[in-house]
Amino acid sequence: MEDLARRKCRPCGGGGPAYTEEQAREQLKALKGWTLEDGKLVKLFPFGNYYQTMAFVNALAWVSHREDHHPDLEVGYNRCRVTYWTHAVGGLSENDFICAAKCDALFDL
């Protein structure tokens, strides 16, 4: 995972193919706790309270802005569900796995 977390996202302005199911499953092996749901990369992060949840959400927003790759977030009192999917390619790309690794690294701080 550290290798993925150290990479930078590349602009994918609508070119290139999305990962195949096989490619996505292979990349998934480098991540802990992430799943594929309807062709998207998903993980639920638990927290002790609302403040911790929002601190994570705000930090993830900063990371997402820096990478110019933004997840869908579902936020509750003590949880955040993070979903990555690259709209420009209509599926999963390397950027999704890079950002998922960065998300895990942030959670582990």
N, C-alpha and C. Protein backbone atom coordinates (compact mmCIF):
# COMPACT_ATOMS: atom_id res chain seq x y z
N MET A 1 0.81 -1.18 0.00
CA MET A 1 0.00 0.00 0.00
C MET A 1 0.87 1.26 0.00
N GLU A 2 1.98 1.26 0.70
CA GLU A 2 2.82 2.45 0.76
C GLU A 2 3.24 2.90 -0.63
N ASP A 3 3.53 1.96 -1.51
CA ASP A 3 3.93 2.32 -2.85
C ASP A 3 2.82 3.10 -3.54
N LEU A 4 1.60 2.64 -3.46
CA LEU A 4 0.47 3.34 -4.07
C LEU A 4 0.28 4.71 -3.43
N ALA A 5 0.39 4.79 -2.11
CA ALA A 5 0.16 6.05 -1.40
C ALA A 5 1.19 7.12 -1.76
N ARG A 6 2.34 6.72 -2.23
CA ARG A 6 3.39 7.68 -2.60
C ARG A 6 3.25 8.19 -4.03
N ARG A 7 2.43 7.55 -4.81
CA ARG A 7 2.24 7.98 -6.20
C ARG A 7 1.34 9.20 -6.27
N LYS A 8 1.40 9.88 -7.41
CA LYS A 8 0.54 11.03 -7.68
C LYS A 8 -0.46 10.64 -8.76
N CYS A 9 -1.65 11.16 -8.65
CA CYS A 9 -2.65 10.94 -9.69
C CYS A 9 -2.24 11.67 -10.96
N ARG A 10 -2.60 11.06 -12.07
CA ARG A 10 -2.33 11.68 -13.37
C ARG A 10 -3.63 12.18 -13.97
N PRO A 11 -3.61 13.30 -14.65
CA PRO A 11 -4.83 13.78 -15.30
C PRO A 11 -5.36 12.73 -16.26
N CYS A 12 -6.65 12.52 -16.23
CA CYS A 12 -7.24 11.49 -17.11
C CYS A 12 -8.43 12.08 -17.85
N GLY A 13 -8.29 13.24 -18.36
CA GLY A 13 -9.34 14.00 -19.01
C GLY A 13 -10.17 13.29 -20.04
N GLY A 14 -10.59 12.08 -19.80
CA GLY A 14 -11.52 11.41 -20.69
C GLY A 14 -10.88 10.47 -21.68
N GLY A 15 -9.59 10.25 -21.57
CA GLY A 15 -8.96 9.31 -22.48
C GLY A 15 -8.60 8.03 -21.77
N GLY A 16 -8.34 7.03 -22.52
CA GLY A 16 -7.89 5.77 -21.96
C GLY A 16 -9.02 4.91 -21.43
N PRO A 17 -8.78 3.62 -21.42
CA PRO A 17 -9.82 2.69 -20.96
C PRO A 17 -9.82 2.55 -19.44
N ALA A 18 -10.97 2.18 -18.92
CA ALA A 18 -11.08 1.84 -17.50
C ALA A 18 -10.45 0.48 -17.28
N TYR A 19 -10.09 0.20 -16.04
CA TYR A 19 -9.57 -1.13 -15.70
C TYR A 19 -10.62 -2.20 -16.00
N THR A 20 -10.15 -3.33 -16.44
CA THR A 20 -11.04 -4.48 -16.56
C THR A 20 -11.32 -5.02 -15.16
N GLU A 21 -12.28 -5.88 -15.03
CA GLU A 21 -12.60 -6.50 -13.73
C GLU A 21 -11.36 -7.22 -13.18
N GLU A 22 -10.65 -7.91 -14.04
CA GLU A 22 -9.44 -8.63 -13.62
C GLU A 22 -8.36 -7.66 -13.13
N GLN A 23 -8.14 -6.57 -13.85
CA GLN A 23 -7.15 -5.58 -13.44
C GLN A 23 -7.53 -4.95 -12.10
N ALA A 24 -8.80 -4.65 -11.93
CA ALA A 24 -9.27 -4.04 -10.68
C ALA A 24 -9.07 -5.00 -9.51
N ARG A 25 -9.40 -6.26 -9.70
CA ARG A 25 -9.23 -7.26 -8.62
C ARG A 25 -7.74 -7.44 -8.27
N GLU A 26 -6.90 -7.35 -9.26
CA GLU A 26 -5.46 -7.46 -9.01
C GLU A 26 -4.97 -6.26 -8.19
N GLN A 27 -5.38 -5.07 -8.57
CA GLN A 27 -5.00 -3.86 -7.83
C GLN A 27 -5.57 -3.87 -6.42
N LEU A 28 -6.76 -4.43 -6.26
CA LEU A 28 -7.43 -4.49 -4.96
C LEU A 28 -6.59 -5.22 -3.93
N LYS A 29 -5.76 -6.14 -4.36
CA LYS A 29 -4.90 -6.90 -3.45
C LYS A 29 -3.92 -6.01 -2.69
N ALA A 30 -3.62 -4.83 -3.24
CA ALA A 30 -2.67 -3.92 -2.60
C ALA A 30 -3.33 -3.08 -1.50
N LEU A 31 -4.65 -3.18 -1.37
CA LEU A 31 -5.39 -2.39 -0.40
C LEU A 31 -6.02 -3.29 0.66
N LYS A 32 -6.21 -2.74 1.86
CA LYS A 32 -6.81 -3.51 2.95
C LYS A 32 -8.22 -2.99 3.25
N GLY A 33 -9.19 -3.88 3.17
CA GLY A 33 -10.54 -3.54 3.55
C GLY A 33 -11.40 -2.89 2.49
N TRP A 34 -10.85 -2.64 1.34
CA TRP A 34 -11.63 -2.06 0.24
C TRP A 34 -12.34 -3.18 -0.52
N THR A 35 -13.50 -2.87 -1.08
CA THR A 35 -14.25 -3.84 -1.87
C THR A 35 -14.65 -3.21 -3.20
N LEU A 36 -15.03 -4.06 -4.11
CA LEU A 36 -15.59 -3.60 -5.38
C LEU A 36 -17.10 -3.78 -5.30
N GLU A 37 -17.82 -2.69 -5.51
CA GLU A 37 -19.29 -2.72 -5.50
C GLU A 37 -19.78 -2.01 -6.76
N ASP A 38 -20.45 -2.75 -7.60
CA ASP A 38 -20.98 -2.18 -8.85
C ASP A 38 -19.90 -1.46 -9.65
N GLY A 39 -18.70 -2.05 -9.68
CA GLY A 39 -17.60 -1.48 -10.45
C GLY A 39 -16.92 -0.29 -9.80
N LYS A 40 -17.24 -0.04 -8.53
CA LYS A 40 -16.64 1.09 -7.80
C LYS A 40 -15.84 0.57 -6.62
N LEU A 41 -14.87 1.34 -6.18
CA LEU A 41 -14.00 1.00 -5.06
C LEU A 41 -14.59 1.64 -3.80
N VAL A 42 -14.88 0.82 -2.78
CA VAL A 42 -15.65 1.29 -1.62
C VAL A 42 -15.03 0.81 -0.31
N LYS A 43 -15.08 1.69 0.72
CA LYS A 43 -14.67 1.31 2.06
C LYS A 43 -15.42 2.15 3.09
N LEU A 44 -15.81 1.52 4.19
CA LEU A 44 -16.46 2.21 5.30
C LEU A 44 -15.44 2.41 6.41
N PHE A 45 -15.24 3.66 6.82
CA PHE A 45 -14.30 4.00 7.88
C PHE A 45 -15.08 4.33 9.15
N PRO A 46 -14.81 3.62 10.25
CA PRO A 46 -15.50 3.88 11.52
C PRO A 46 -14.74 4.89 12.38
N PHE A 47 -15.49 5.67 13.16
CA PHE A 47 -14.89 6.66 14.05
C PHE A 47 -15.58 6.62 15.40
N GLY A 48 -14.96 7.23 16.39
CA GLY A 48 -15.51 7.24 17.74
C GLY A 48 -16.60 8.27 17.96
N ASN A 49 -16.59 9.33 17.13
CA ASN A 49 -17.57 10.39 17.31
C ASN A 49 -17.64 11.26 16.06
N TYR A 50 -18.53 12.23 16.12
CA TYR A 50 -18.75 13.11 14.98
C TYR A 50 -17.52 13.96 14.67
N TYR A 51 -16.87 14.47 15.70
CA TYR A 51 -15.69 15.32 15.49
C TYR A 51 -14.61 14.56 14.72
N GLN A 52 -14.32 13.32 15.11
CA GLN A 52 -13.31 12.53 14.42
C GLN A 52 -13.72 12.27 12.97
N THR A 53 -15.00 11.99 12.77
CA THR A 53 -15.50 11.75 11.41
C THR A 53 -15.27 12.99 10.54
N MET A 54 -15.65 14.15 11.05
CA MET A 54 -15.53 15.37 10.26
C MET A 54 -14.07 15.78 10.06
N ALA A 55 -13.22 15.51 11.03
CA ALA A 55 -11.80 15.80 10.86
C ALA A 55 -11.24 14.97 9.70
N PHE A 56 -11.62 13.70 9.64
CA PHE A 56 -11.19 12.81 8.56
C PHE A 56 -11.73 13.33 7.21
N VAL A 57 -13.01 13.68 7.18
CA VAL A 57 -13.64 14.16 5.94
C VAL A 57 -12.93 15.41 5.44
N ASN A 58 -12.64 16.34 6.31
CA ASN A 58 -11.96 17.57 5.91
C ASN A 58 -10.54 17.30 5.44
N ALA A 59 -9.83 16.42 6.12
CA ALA A 59 -8.47 16.08 5.69
C ALA A 59 -8.50 15.37 4.34
N LEU A 60 -9.47 14.48 4.16
CA LEU A 60 -9.59 13.77 2.89
C LEU A 60 -9.95 14.75 1.76
N ALA A 61 -10.75 15.74 2.07
CA ALA A 61 -11.08 16.76 1.06
C ALA A 61 -9.82 17.49 0.60
N TRP A 62 -8.92 17.78 1.53
CA TRP A 62 -7.66 18.45 1.19
C TRP A 62 -6.80 17.54 0.30
N VAL A 63 -6.68 16.28 0.68
CA VAL A 63 -5.90 15.33 -0.12
C VAL A 63 -6.51 15.20 -1.51
N SER A 64 -7.83 15.10 -1.57
CA SER A 64 -8.52 14.96 -2.86
C SER A 64 -8.29 16.17 -3.75
N HIS A 65 -8.31 17.35 -3.15
CA HIS A 65 -8.05 18.57 -3.91
C HIS A 65 -6.62 18.56 -4.47
N ARG A 66 -5.67 18.16 -3.65
CA ARG A 66 -4.26 18.10 -4.08
C ARG A 66 -4.06 17.11 -5.22
N GLU A 67 -4.80 16.01 -5.19
CA GLU A 67 -4.67 14.99 -6.23
C GLU A 67 -5.59 15.27 -7.43
N ASP A 68 -6.50 16.20 -7.27
CA ASP A 68 -7.52 16.50 -8.28
C ASP A 68 -8.28 15.23 -8.67
N HIS A 69 -8.62 14.47 -7.63
CA HIS A 69 -9.38 13.23 -7.82
C HIS A 69 -10.27 13.08 -6.59
N HIS A 70 -11.57 13.15 -6.79
CA HIS A 70 -12.49 13.32 -5.68
C HIS A 70 -13.44 12.13 -5.50
N PRO A 71 -13.52 11.62 -4.28
CA PRO A 71 -14.43 10.50 -4.02
C PRO A 71 -15.84 10.99 -3.72
N ASP A 72 -16.76 10.07 -3.76
CA ASP A 72 -18.09 10.31 -3.20
C ASP A 72 -18.01 9.93 -1.73
N LEU A 73 -18.56 10.77 -0.87
CA LEU A 73 -18.52 10.53 0.56
C LEU A 73 -19.94 10.47 1.11
N GLU A 74 -20.20 9.47 1.94
CA GLU A 74 -21.44 9.39 2.70
C GLU A 74 -21.05 9.48 4.16
N VAL A 75 -21.48 10.54 4.82
CA VAL A 75 -21.02 10.84 6.17
C VAL A 75 -22.14 10.67 7.18
N GLY A 76 -21.83 9.99 8.27
CA GLY A 76 -22.75 9.84 9.39
C GLY A 76 -22.03 10.24 10.67
N TYR A 77 -22.72 10.13 11.78
CA TYR A 77 -22.17 10.55 13.06
C TYR A 77 -20.79 9.95 13.33
N ASN A 78 -20.64 8.65 13.15
CA ASN A 78 -19.37 7.99 13.49
C ASN A 78 -18.85 7.10 12.37
N ARG A 79 -19.10 7.53 11.12
CA ARG A 79 -18.63 6.73 9.99
C ARG A 79 -18.58 7.59 8.73
N CYS A 80 -17.74 7.13 7.81
CA CYS A 80 -17.66 7.76 6.49
C CYS A 80 -17.46 6.65 5.46
N ARG A 81 -18.35 6.58 4.51
CA ARG A 81 -18.24 5.62 3.42
C ARG A 81 -17.62 6.35 2.23
N VAL A 82 -16.49 5.84 1.77
CA VAL A 82 -15.74 6.48 0.69
C VAL A 82 -15.87 5.61 -0.56
N THR A 83 -16.21 6.25 -1.67
CA THR A 83 -16.37 5.55 -2.95
C THR A 83 -15.54 6.26 -4.01
N TYR A 84 -14.69 5.49 -4.67
CA TYR A 84 -13.90 6.02 -5.79
C TYR A 84 -14.36 5.38 -7.09
N TRP A 85 -14.38 6.20 -8.13
CA TRP A 85 -14.75 5.79 -9.48
C TRP A 85 -14.36 6.94 -10.38
N THR A 86 -13.70 6.65 -11.47
CA THR A 86 -13.23 7.71 -12.37
C THR A 86 -14.26 7.99 -13.45
N HIS A 87 -14.95 9.11 -13.31
CA HIS A 87 -16.00 9.48 -14.26
C HIS A 87 -15.45 9.62 -15.68
N ALA A 88 -14.25 10.17 -15.81
CA ALA A 88 -13.68 10.44 -17.13
C ALA A 88 -13.47 9.18 -17.96
N VAL A 89 -13.27 8.03 -17.31
CA VAL A 89 -13.06 6.79 -18.06
C VAL A 89 -14.25 5.84 -17.90
N GLY A 90 -15.23 6.22 -17.11
CA GLY A 90 -16.42 5.39 -16.94
C GLY A 90 -16.16 4.12 -16.16
N GLY A 91 -15.22 4.16 -15.25
CA GLY A 91 -14.88 2.97 -14.45
C GLY A 91 -13.71 3.28 -13.54
N LEU A 92 -13.02 2.25 -13.13
CA LEU A 92 -11.88 2.41 -12.23
C LEU A 92 -10.59 2.66 -13.01
N SER A 93 -9.75 3.50 -12.41
CA SER A 93 -8.44 3.80 -12.99
C SER A 93 -7.38 3.69 -11.90
N GLU A 94 -6.15 3.83 -12.29
CA GLU A 94 -5.05 3.81 -11.32
C GLU A 94 -5.25 4.89 -10.26
N ASN A 95 -5.79 6.04 -10.65
CA ASN A 95 -6.00 7.13 -9.71
C ASN A 95 -6.89 6.72 -8.53
N ASP A 96 -7.88 5.88 -8.79
CA ASP A 96 -8.76 5.43 -7.72
C ASP A 96 -7.99 4.64 -6.67
N PHE A 97 -7.10 3.79 -7.10
CA PHE A 97 -6.33 2.96 -6.18
C PHE A 97 -5.26 3.79 -5.45
N ILE A 98 -4.69 4.76 -6.14
CA ILE A 98 -3.74 5.67 -5.50
C ILE A 98 -4.44 6.43 -4.38
N CYS A 99 -5.60 6.99 -4.68
CA CYS A 99 -6.33 7.78 -3.68
C CYS A 99 -6.86 6.91 -2.55
N ALA A 100 -7.25 5.68 -2.83
CA ALA A 100 -7.68 4.78 -1.77
C ALA A 100 -6.53 4.51 -0.81
N ALA A 101 -5.33 4.32 -1.33
CA ALA A 101 -4.16 4.10 -0.48
C ALA A 101 -3.85 5.34 0.35
N LYS A 102 -4.00 6.52 -0.25
CA LYS A 102 -3.78 7.77 0.49
C LYS A 102 -4.84 7.91 1.59
N CYS A 103 -6.05 7.52 1.29
CA CYS A 103 -7.14 7.56 2.26
C CYS A 103 -6.82 6.66 3.46
N ASP A 104 -6.34 5.46 3.19
CA ASP A 104 -5.94 4.54 4.27
C ASP A 104 -4.80 5.13 5.10
N ALA A 105 -3.83 5.74 4.44
CA ALA A 105 -2.70 6.34 5.16
C ALA A 105 -3.19 7.47 6.05
N LEU A 106 -4.14 8.25 5.58
CA LEU A 106 -4.71 9.33 6.38
C LEU A 106 -5.43 8.76 7.60
N PHE A 107 -6.20 7.72 7.40
CA PHE A 107 -6.95 7.10 8.50
C PHE A 107 -6.01 6.55 9.57
N ASP A 108 -4.85 6.07 9.14
CA ASP A 108 -3.89 5.47 10.07
C ASP A 108 -3.07 6.49 10.86
N LEU A 109 -3.20 7.77 10.54
CA LEU A 109 -2.43 8.80 11.27
C LEU A 109 -2.88 8.89 12.72
